[in-house]
Amino acid sequence: MSQQDDELKSDLAIEALGASGLLRLKVRGNSMLPSLWPGDLVTIEAQMLTNIQGGDIILYWRDARFFIHRVQHKNETLIARGDCMSYADAPVAASELLGRVLSVRRYGLESPVPRFTRLRRLQAFCLRHSEFLQRLALWNHAIRLRRFASTPRVCPEYSIQ
């Protein structure tokens, strides 16, 4: 896929979010492990900076890329960081903010945004500091995704009683 195609898709996604207030995106990176995994579908609601709080997972646009990171601090800008990243991002301006993640769809199940609990913090610390553990976790996730993809599912409204 060309860079031009990526830019067109990004422009359409931003336009769709502005028009409808909601957007679904597929997670591609590892920066939010263990809260978000590659292949997760996140539902994003358009939000203004005033409605964002610490702990929220936000979507912002910078350097022709989408970023989905957790808010660490809020003042006139937002300080965000991927759960699995060592350092915070540069401050996020109101003009870069697109919205807040409302829910996550993984293995066919929709769930609320994962909280950054002590256990998740410990997992993120281990994944951040061990390339081996990160690879192992991603390998395990890939196996689970393949199993899920190969499992036949019945649509409940069409099941025979």
N, C-alpha and C. Protein backbone atom coordinates (compact mmCIF):
# COMPACT_ATOMS: atom_id res chain seq x y z
N MET A 1 0.85 -1.17 0.00
CA MET A 1 0.00 0.00 0.00
C MET A 1 0.89 1.23 0.00
N SER A 2 0.54 2.19 -0.78
CA SER A 2 1.37 3.38 -0.92
C SER A 2 1.09 4.39 0.20
N GLN A 3 2.02 5.30 0.36
CA GLN A 3 1.86 6.36 1.35
C GLN A 3 0.65 7.22 1.00
N GLN A 4 0.42 7.39 -0.28
CA GLN A 4 -0.73 8.18 -0.73
C GLN A 4 -2.04 7.50 -0.31
N ASP A 5 -2.10 6.16 -0.41
CA ASP A 5 -3.29 5.42 0.03
C ASP A 5 -3.50 5.59 1.53
N ASP A 6 -2.40 5.50 2.30
CA ASP A 6 -2.49 5.68 3.75
C ASP A 6 -3.01 7.07 4.10
N GLU A 7 -2.51 8.08 3.40
CA GLU A 7 -2.95 9.45 3.66
C GLU A 7 -4.43 9.62 3.33
N LEU A 8 -4.88 9.01 2.24
CA LEU A 8 -6.29 9.08 1.86
C LEU A 8 -7.16 8.41 2.91
N LYS A 9 -6.76 7.22 3.37
CA LYS A 9 -7.51 6.52 4.41
C LYS A 9 -7.57 7.34 5.69
N SER A 10 -6.45 7.93 6.06
CA SER A 10 -6.40 8.75 7.27
C SER A 10 -7.33 9.95 7.15
N ASP A 11 -7.28 10.62 6.00
CA ASP A 11 -8.16 11.78 5.77
C ASP A 11 -9.63 11.37 5.86
N LEU A 12 -9.97 10.23 5.27
CA LEU A 12 -11.36 9.74 5.32
C LEU A 12 -11.77 9.41 6.75
N ALA A 13 -10.87 8.79 7.52
CA ALA A 13 -11.17 8.44 8.90
C ALA A 13 -11.42 9.70 9.73
N ILE A 14 -10.57 10.70 9.57
CA ILE A 14 -10.74 11.96 10.32
C ILE A 14 -12.05 12.63 9.93
N GLU A 15 -12.36 12.62 8.63
CA GLU A 15 -13.61 13.21 8.16
C GLU A 15 -14.82 12.45 8.71
N ALA A 16 -14.75 11.12 8.72
CA ALA A 16 -15.85 10.30 9.24
C ALA A 16 -16.06 10.56 10.73
N LEU A 17 -14.98 10.67 11.48
CA LEU A 17 -15.09 10.96 12.91
C LEU A 17 -15.74 12.32 13.13
N GLY A 18 -15.35 13.30 12.34
CA GLY A 18 -15.95 14.63 12.46
C GLY A 18 -17.42 14.65 12.10
N ALA A 19 -17.80 13.86 11.09
CA ALA A 19 -19.19 13.86 10.62
C ALA A 19 -20.12 13.07 11.53
N SER A 20 -19.68 11.90 11.98
CA SER A 20 -20.57 11.03 12.76
C SER A 20 -20.30 11.06 14.26
N GLY A 21 -19.11 11.50 14.64
CA GLY A 21 -18.75 11.51 16.06
C GLY A 21 -18.18 10.20 16.55
N LEU A 22 -18.21 9.15 15.71
CA LEU A 22 -17.67 7.84 16.09
C LEU A 22 -16.81 7.29 14.97
N LEU A 23 -15.82 6.49 15.37
CA LEU A 23 -14.91 5.87 14.40
C LEU A 23 -14.39 4.58 15.00
N ARG A 24 -14.23 3.56 14.14
CA ARG A 24 -13.59 2.31 14.57
C ARG A 24 -12.27 2.19 13.83
N LEU A 25 -11.21 1.92 14.59
CA LEU A 25 -9.88 1.73 14.02
C LEU A 25 -9.28 0.44 14.53
N LYS A 26 -8.45 -0.17 13.69
CA LYS A 26 -7.72 -1.37 14.09
C LYS A 26 -6.37 -0.95 14.65
N VAL A 27 -6.03 -1.47 15.83
CA VAL A 27 -4.74 -1.18 16.46
C VAL A 27 -3.65 -1.90 15.70
N ARG A 28 -2.55 -1.18 15.40
CA ARG A 28 -1.47 -1.78 14.63
C ARG A 28 -0.16 -1.91 15.40
N GLY A 29 0.08 -1.08 16.38
CA GLY A 29 1.37 -1.08 17.06
C GLY A 29 1.35 -1.81 18.39
N ASN A 30 2.51 -1.79 19.06
CA ASN A 30 2.68 -2.46 20.35
C ASN A 30 2.78 -1.49 21.51
N SER A 31 2.67 -0.21 21.27
CA SER A 31 2.95 0.78 22.31
C SER A 31 1.97 0.75 23.47
N MET A 32 0.78 0.18 23.28
CA MET A 32 -0.22 0.16 24.35
C MET A 32 -0.36 -1.20 25.02
N LEU A 33 0.56 -2.13 24.74
CA LEU A 33 0.53 -3.41 25.44
C LEU A 33 0.64 -3.15 26.94
N PRO A 34 -0.03 -3.88 27.79
CA PRO A 34 -0.94 -4.99 27.55
C PRO A 34 -2.41 -4.56 27.46
N SER A 35 -2.68 -3.26 27.43
CA SER A 35 -4.07 -2.79 27.40
C SER A 35 -4.70 -2.96 26.03
N LEU A 36 -3.96 -2.64 24.98
CA LEU A 36 -4.43 -2.80 23.60
C LEU A 36 -3.41 -3.64 22.84
N TRP A 37 -3.92 -4.54 22.00
CA TRP A 37 -3.07 -5.47 21.25
C TRP A 37 -3.26 -5.25 19.76
N PRO A 38 -2.24 -5.58 18.96
CA PRO A 38 -2.40 -5.49 17.51
C PRO A 38 -3.62 -6.30 17.06
N GLY A 39 -4.44 -5.71 16.22
CA GLY A 39 -5.65 -6.38 15.74
C GLY A 39 -6.90 -5.99 16.51
N ASP A 40 -6.76 -5.41 17.70
CA ASP A 40 -7.94 -4.94 18.44
C ASP A 40 -8.64 -3.87 17.61
N LEU A 41 -9.96 -3.86 17.70
CA LEU A 41 -10.75 -2.78 17.09
C LEU A 41 -11.19 -1.84 18.20
N VAL A 42 -10.83 -0.58 18.09
CA VAL A 42 -11.22 0.39 19.11
C VAL A 42 -12.30 1.31 18.54
N THR A 43 -13.26 1.62 19.38
CA THR A 43 -14.31 2.58 19.03
C THR A 43 -13.93 3.91 19.66
N ILE A 44 -13.85 4.93 18.83
CA ILE A 44 -13.42 6.25 19.28
C ILE A 44 -14.58 7.22 19.14
N GLU A 45 -14.75 8.04 20.17
CA GLU A 45 -15.76 9.10 20.15
C GLU A 45 -15.04 10.44 20.07
N ALA A 46 -15.47 11.29 19.15
CA ALA A 46 -14.88 12.63 19.03
C ALA A 46 -15.04 13.37 20.35
N GLN A 47 -13.97 13.98 20.82
CA GLN A 47 -13.99 14.72 22.09
C GLN A 47 -13.13 15.96 21.99
N MET A 48 -13.46 16.93 22.82
CA MET A 48 -12.65 18.14 22.94
C MET A 48 -11.74 17.96 24.16
N LEU A 49 -10.69 18.73 24.21
CA LEU A 49 -9.71 18.64 25.30
C LEU A 49 -10.35 18.79 26.67
N THR A 50 -11.37 19.64 26.79
CA THR A 50 -12.01 19.88 28.09
C THR A 50 -12.69 18.64 28.65
N ASN A 51 -13.04 17.67 27.79
CA ASN A 51 -13.74 16.46 28.24
C ASN A 51 -12.80 15.30 28.54
N ILE A 52 -11.51 15.49 28.39
CA ILE A 52 -10.54 14.42 28.58
C ILE A 52 -9.99 14.48 30.00
N GLN A 53 -9.77 13.30 30.59
CA GLN A 53 -9.21 13.20 31.94
C GLN A 53 -7.98 12.32 31.93
N GLY A 54 -7.19 12.42 32.98
CA GLY A 54 -6.06 11.52 33.15
C GLY A 54 -6.56 10.08 33.18
N GLY A 55 -5.85 9.18 32.51
CA GLY A 55 -6.24 7.78 32.44
C GLY A 55 -7.02 7.43 31.19
N ASP A 56 -7.62 8.43 30.53
CA ASP A 56 -8.33 8.18 29.27
C ASP A 56 -7.34 7.76 28.19
N ILE A 57 -7.79 6.90 27.30
CA ILE A 57 -6.99 6.55 26.12
C ILE A 57 -7.53 7.40 24.98
N ILE A 58 -6.63 8.15 24.36
CA ILE A 58 -7.03 9.12 23.33
C ILE A 58 -6.46 8.75 21.97
N LEU A 59 -7.10 9.31 20.95
CA LEU A 59 -6.59 9.25 19.58
C LEU A 59 -6.18 10.65 19.20
N TYR A 60 -4.94 10.79 18.72
CA TYR A 60 -4.52 12.08 18.19
C TYR A 60 -3.73 11.90 16.91
N TRP A 61 -3.63 12.99 16.16
CA TRP A 61 -3.01 13.01 14.83
C TRP A 61 -1.78 13.90 14.88
N ARG A 62 -0.63 13.31 14.54
CA ARG A 62 0.62 14.07 14.53
C ARG A 62 1.56 13.46 13.51
N ASP A 63 2.26 14.31 12.78
CA ASP A 63 3.25 13.85 11.80
C ASP A 63 2.65 12.84 10.82
N ALA A 64 1.43 13.11 10.37
CA ALA A 64 0.73 12.26 9.39
C ALA A 64 0.52 10.84 9.89
N ARG A 65 0.33 10.69 11.22
CA ARG A 65 0.08 9.37 11.82
C ARG A 65 -0.95 9.50 12.93
N PHE A 66 -1.69 8.41 13.15
CA PHE A 66 -2.57 8.31 14.31
C PHE A 66 -1.77 7.77 15.48
N PHE A 67 -2.06 8.26 16.67
CA PHE A 67 -1.50 7.72 17.90
C PHE A 67 -2.65 7.43 18.85
N ILE A 68 -2.61 6.28 19.48
CA ILE A 68 -3.59 5.93 20.52
C ILE A 68 -2.77 5.67 21.78
N HIS A 69 -2.80 6.64 22.70
CA HIS A 69 -2.03 6.54 23.94
C HIS A 69 -2.87 7.00 25.12
N ARG A 70 -2.39 6.66 26.31
CA ARG A 70 -3.11 7.00 27.54
C ARG A 70 -2.65 8.36 28.08
N VAL A 71 -3.62 9.15 28.55
CA VAL A 71 -3.32 10.47 29.11
C VAL A 71 -2.70 10.29 30.50
N GLN A 72 -1.53 10.89 30.69
CA GLN A 72 -0.85 10.87 31.98
C GLN A 72 -1.20 12.11 32.81
N HIS A 73 -1.19 13.27 32.15
CA HIS A 73 -1.47 14.55 32.81
C HIS A 73 -2.25 15.45 31.86
N LYS A 74 -3.01 16.35 32.46
CA LYS A 74 -3.77 17.30 31.65
C LYS A 74 -3.61 18.69 32.23
N ASN A 75 -3.29 19.64 31.37
CA ASN A 75 -3.37 21.07 31.69
C ASN A 75 -3.89 21.73 30.42
N GLU A 76 -3.23 22.75 29.88
CA GLU A 76 -3.71 23.31 28.61
C GLU A 76 -3.40 22.39 27.43
N THR A 77 -2.51 21.43 27.65
CA THR A 77 -2.23 20.36 26.68
C THR A 77 -2.36 19.03 27.41
N LEU A 78 -2.23 17.95 26.67
CA LEU A 78 -2.27 16.61 27.27
C LEU A 78 -0.88 15.99 27.19
N ILE A 79 -0.49 15.31 28.25
CA ILE A 79 0.73 14.51 28.22
C ILE A 79 0.26 13.06 28.15
N ALA A 80 0.62 12.40 27.06
CA ALA A 80 0.18 11.02 26.83
C ALA A 80 1.39 10.12 26.67
N ARG A 81 1.17 8.84 26.92
CA ARG A 81 2.25 7.86 26.77
C ARG A 81 1.61 6.50 26.49
N GLY A 82 2.25 5.73 25.63
CA GLY A 82 1.83 4.36 25.44
C GLY A 82 2.14 3.57 26.70
N ASP A 83 1.25 2.68 27.12
CA ASP A 83 1.45 1.91 28.35
C ASP A 83 2.78 1.16 28.35
N CYS A 84 3.23 0.74 27.18
CA CYS A 84 4.45 -0.05 27.07
C CYS A 84 5.67 0.79 26.68
N MET A 85 5.53 2.10 26.71
CA MET A 85 6.62 2.99 26.31
C MET A 85 7.34 3.54 27.54
N SER A 86 8.64 3.78 27.39
CA SER A 86 9.44 4.30 28.50
C SER A 86 9.22 5.79 28.74
N TYR A 87 8.93 6.53 27.68
CA TYR A 87 8.84 7.99 27.79
C TYR A 87 7.50 8.50 27.28
N ALA A 88 7.10 9.63 27.85
CA ALA A 88 5.87 10.28 27.41
C ALA A 88 6.09 10.94 26.05
N ASP A 89 4.99 11.12 25.33
CA ASP A 89 5.03 11.82 24.04
C ASP A 89 5.19 13.32 24.29
N ALA A 90 5.51 14.05 23.23
CA ALA A 90 5.48 15.51 23.31
C ALA A 90 4.04 15.93 23.62
N PRO A 91 3.85 17.06 24.29
CA PRO A 91 2.48 17.49 24.64
C PRO A 91 1.54 17.48 23.44
N VAL A 92 0.32 17.01 23.69
CA VAL A 92 -0.71 16.93 22.65
C VAL A 92 -1.57 18.19 22.74
N ALA A 93 -1.57 18.97 21.68
CA ALA A 93 -2.37 20.20 21.62
C ALA A 93 -3.83 19.86 21.31
N ALA A 94 -4.71 20.77 21.66
CA ALA A 94 -6.14 20.59 21.38
C ALA A 94 -6.38 20.36 19.89
N SER A 95 -5.59 21.00 19.04
CA SER A 95 -5.77 20.86 17.59
C SER A 95 -5.38 19.47 17.08
N GLU A 96 -4.58 18.73 17.84
CA GLU A 96 -4.16 17.38 17.44
C GLU A 96 -5.12 16.30 17.95
N LEU A 97 -5.84 16.61 19.02
CA LEU A 97 -6.74 15.64 19.64
C LEU A 97 -7.93 15.35 18.74
N LEU A 98 -8.20 14.06 18.52
CA LEU A 98 -9.35 13.66 17.71
C LEU A 98 -10.46 13.06 18.56
N GLY A 99 -10.12 12.30 19.59
CA GLY A 99 -11.17 11.69 20.39
C GLY A 99 -10.64 10.79 21.48
N ARG A 100 -11.59 10.12 22.15
CA ARG A 100 -11.30 9.22 23.26
C ARG A 100 -11.79 7.82 22.90
N VAL A 101 -11.03 6.81 23.28
CA VAL A 101 -11.41 5.43 23.04
C VAL A 101 -12.53 5.06 24.02
N LEU A 102 -13.64 4.55 23.47
CA LEU A 102 -14.80 4.16 24.28
C LEU A 102 -14.80 2.68 24.62
N SER A 103 -14.41 1.85 23.64
CA SER A 103 -14.46 0.41 23.85
C SER A 103 -13.44 -0.28 22.97
N VAL A 104 -13.21 -1.55 23.29
CA VAL A 104 -12.24 -2.37 22.58
C VAL A 104 -12.91 -3.69 22.20
N ARG A 105 -12.73 -4.10 20.96
CA ARG A 105 -13.24 -5.39 20.50
C ARG A 105 -12.05 -6.30 20.24
N ARG A 106 -11.99 -7.42 21.02
CA ARG A 106 -10.90 -8.38 20.90
C ARG A 106 -11.50 -9.78 20.94
N TYR A 107 -11.07 -10.63 20.03
CA TYR A 107 -11.56 -12.01 19.94
C TYR A 107 -13.09 -12.04 19.86
N GLY A 108 -13.67 -11.06 19.19
CA GLY A 108 -15.11 -11.03 19.00
C GLY A 108 -15.90 -10.47 20.16
N LEU A 109 -15.24 -10.08 21.24
CA LEU A 109 -15.94 -9.56 22.41
C LEU A 109 -15.67 -8.08 22.58
N GLU A 110 -16.74 -7.33 22.79
CA GLU A 110 -16.64 -5.89 23.03
C GLU A 110 -16.53 -5.65 24.52
N SER A 111 -15.59 -4.82 24.94
CA SER A 111 -15.43 -4.52 26.36
C SER A 111 -15.08 -3.04 26.54
N PRO A 112 -15.33 -2.52 27.75
CA PRO A 112 -14.96 -1.13 27.99
C PRO A 112 -13.45 -0.95 27.92
N VAL A 113 -13.01 0.28 27.90
CA VAL A 113 -11.58 0.58 27.84
C VAL A 113 -10.90 -0.01 29.08
N PRO A 114 -9.80 -0.75 28.86
CA PRO A 114 -9.11 -1.34 30.01
C PRO A 114 -8.50 -0.27 30.92
N ARG A 115 -8.74 -0.42 32.21
CA ARG A 115 -8.13 0.48 33.19
C ARG A 115 -6.67 0.08 33.37
N PHE A 116 -5.86 1.03 33.75
CA PHE A 116 -4.43 0.77 33.94
C PHE A 116 -4.20 0.40 35.40
N THR A 117 -4.59 -0.83 35.75
CA THR A 117 -4.51 -1.33 37.12
C THR A 117 -3.06 -1.62 37.49
N ARG A 118 -2.83 -1.95 38.75
CA ARG A 118 -1.47 -2.30 39.19
C ARG A 118 -0.94 -3.50 38.42
N LEU A 119 -1.80 -4.49 38.20
CA LEU A 119 -1.36 -5.66 37.44
C LEU A 119 -0.97 -5.27 36.02
N ARG A 120 -1.76 -4.45 35.37
CA ARG A 120 -1.41 -4.00 34.00
C ARG A 120 -0.13 -3.18 34.01
N ARG A 121 0.06 -2.36 35.04
CA ARG A 121 1.30 -1.58 35.14
C ARG A 121 2.51 -2.51 35.24
N LEU A 122 2.37 -3.56 36.05
CA LEU A 122 3.46 -4.52 36.19
C LEU A 122 3.71 -5.25 34.87
N GLN A 123 2.64 -5.67 34.21
CA GLN A 123 2.79 -6.33 32.91
C GLN A 123 3.46 -5.39 31.90
N ALA A 124 3.03 -4.14 31.87
CA ALA A 124 3.61 -3.16 30.94
C ALA A 124 5.09 -2.95 31.24
N PHE A 125 5.44 -2.87 32.52
CA PHE A 125 6.84 -2.70 32.91
C PHE A 125 7.68 -3.87 32.40
N CYS A 126 7.18 -5.09 32.60
CA CYS A 126 7.92 -6.28 32.15
C CYS A 126 8.05 -6.30 30.62
N LEU A 127 6.97 -6.00 29.92
CA LEU A 127 7.00 -5.99 28.46
C LEU A 127 7.90 -4.88 27.93
N ARG A 128 7.91 -3.76 28.62
CA ARG A 128 8.73 -2.61 28.20
C ARG A 128 10.22 -2.91 28.32
N HIS A 129 10.58 -3.69 29.34
CA HIS A 129 12.00 -3.91 29.63
C HIS A 129 12.53 -5.27 29.18
N SER A 130 11.68 -6.09 28.56
CA SER A 130 12.14 -7.39 28.09
C SER A 130 11.61 -7.64 26.68
N GLU A 131 12.50 -7.56 25.73
CA GLU A 131 12.12 -7.84 24.34
C GLU A 131 11.64 -9.28 24.20
N PHE A 132 12.26 -10.19 24.95
CA PHE A 132 11.87 -11.60 24.91
C PHE A 132 10.42 -11.76 25.37
N LEU A 133 10.07 -11.16 26.52
CA LEU A 133 8.70 -11.28 27.02
C LEU A 133 7.70 -10.63 26.06
N GLN A 134 8.09 -9.52 25.44
CA GLN A 134 7.19 -8.86 24.49
C GLN A 134 6.95 -9.76 23.28
N ARG A 135 8.02 -10.36 22.76
CA ARG A 135 7.86 -11.28 21.62
C ARG A 135 7.00 -12.47 21.99
N LEU A 136 7.22 -13.02 23.19
CA LEU A 136 6.45 -14.17 23.66
C LEU A 136 4.97 -13.80 23.78
N ALA A 137 4.69 -12.65 24.35
CA ALA A 137 3.30 -12.20 24.50
C ALA A 137 2.64 -11.99 23.14
N LEU A 138 3.36 -11.38 22.21
CA LEU A 138 2.81 -11.16 20.86
C LEU A 138 2.61 -12.47 20.12
N TRP A 139 3.51 -13.42 20.30
CA TRP A 139 3.37 -14.75 19.68
C TRP A 139 2.12 -15.44 20.21
N ASN A 140 1.93 -15.40 21.55
CA ASN A 140 0.75 -16.00 22.16
C ASN A 140 -0.53 -15.32 21.65
N HIS A 141 -0.49 -14.01 21.54
CA HIS A 141 -1.65 -13.27 21.02
C HIS A 141 -1.96 -13.66 19.58
N ALA A 142 -0.92 -13.81 18.76
CA ALA A 142 -1.11 -14.19 17.35
C ALA A 142 -1.76 -15.57 17.25
N ILE A 143 -1.35 -16.50 18.11
CA ILE A 143 -1.96 -17.84 18.13
C ILE A 143 -3.44 -17.74 18.49
N ARG A 144 -3.75 -16.95 19.51
CA ARG A 144 -5.15 -16.79 19.92
C ARG A 144 -5.98 -16.15 18.81
N LEU A 145 -5.40 -15.18 18.10
CA LEU A 145 -6.11 -14.55 16.99
C LEU A 145 -6.40 -15.55 15.88
N ARG A 146 -5.41 -16.39 15.56
CA ARG A 146 -5.61 -17.40 14.51
C ARG A 146 -6.69 -18.39 14.92
N ARG A 147 -6.67 -18.82 16.19
CA ARG A 147 -7.71 -19.74 16.67
C ARG A 147 -9.09 -19.10 16.57
N PHE A 148 -9.17 -17.84 16.99
CA PHE A 148 -10.45 -17.15 16.93
C PHE A 148 -10.93 -17.04 15.49
N ALA A 149 -10.02 -16.69 14.59
CA ALA A 149 -10.39 -16.51 13.18
C ALA A 149 -10.86 -17.81 12.55
N SER A 150 -10.33 -18.95 13.02
CA SER A 150 -10.68 -20.23 12.41
C SER A 150 -11.88 -20.91 13.09
N THR A 151 -12.39 -20.33 14.17
CA THR A 151 -13.53 -20.91 14.88
C THR A 151 -14.82 -20.46 14.22
N PRO A 152 -15.66 -21.42 13.78
CA PRO A 152 -16.95 -21.02 13.19
C PRO A 152 -17.86 -20.41 14.26
N ARG A 153 -18.57 -19.37 13.90
CA ARG A 153 -19.49 -18.73 14.82
C ARG A 153 -20.88 -18.71 14.21
N VAL A 154 -21.87 -18.84 15.08
CA VAL A 154 -23.26 -18.81 14.64
C VAL A 154 -23.85 -17.47 15.04
N CYS A 155 -24.52 -16.86 14.13
CA CYS A 155 -25.18 -15.60 14.40
C CYS A 155 -26.43 -15.91 15.22
N PRO A 156 -26.58 -15.37 16.47
CA PRO A 156 -27.68 -15.77 17.35
C PRO A 156 -29.06 -15.58 16.75
N GLU A 157 -29.26 -14.55 15.96
CA GLU A 157 -30.61 -14.33 15.42
C GLU A 157 -31.00 -15.36 14.37
N TYR A 158 -30.04 -16.14 13.88
CA TYR A 158 -30.35 -17.15 12.88
C TYR A 158 -30.20 -18.58 13.40
N SER A 159 -29.95 -18.74 14.68
CA SER A 159 -29.77 -20.09 15.21
C SER A 159 -31.13 -20.79 15.30
N ILE A 160 -31.10 -22.10 15.13
CA ILE A 160 -32.32 -22.92 15.17
C ILE A 160 -32.56 -23.36 16.60
N GLN A 161 -33.80 -23.19 17.06
CA GLN A 161 -34.14 -23.57 18.44
C GLN A 161 -34.64 -24.99 18.49
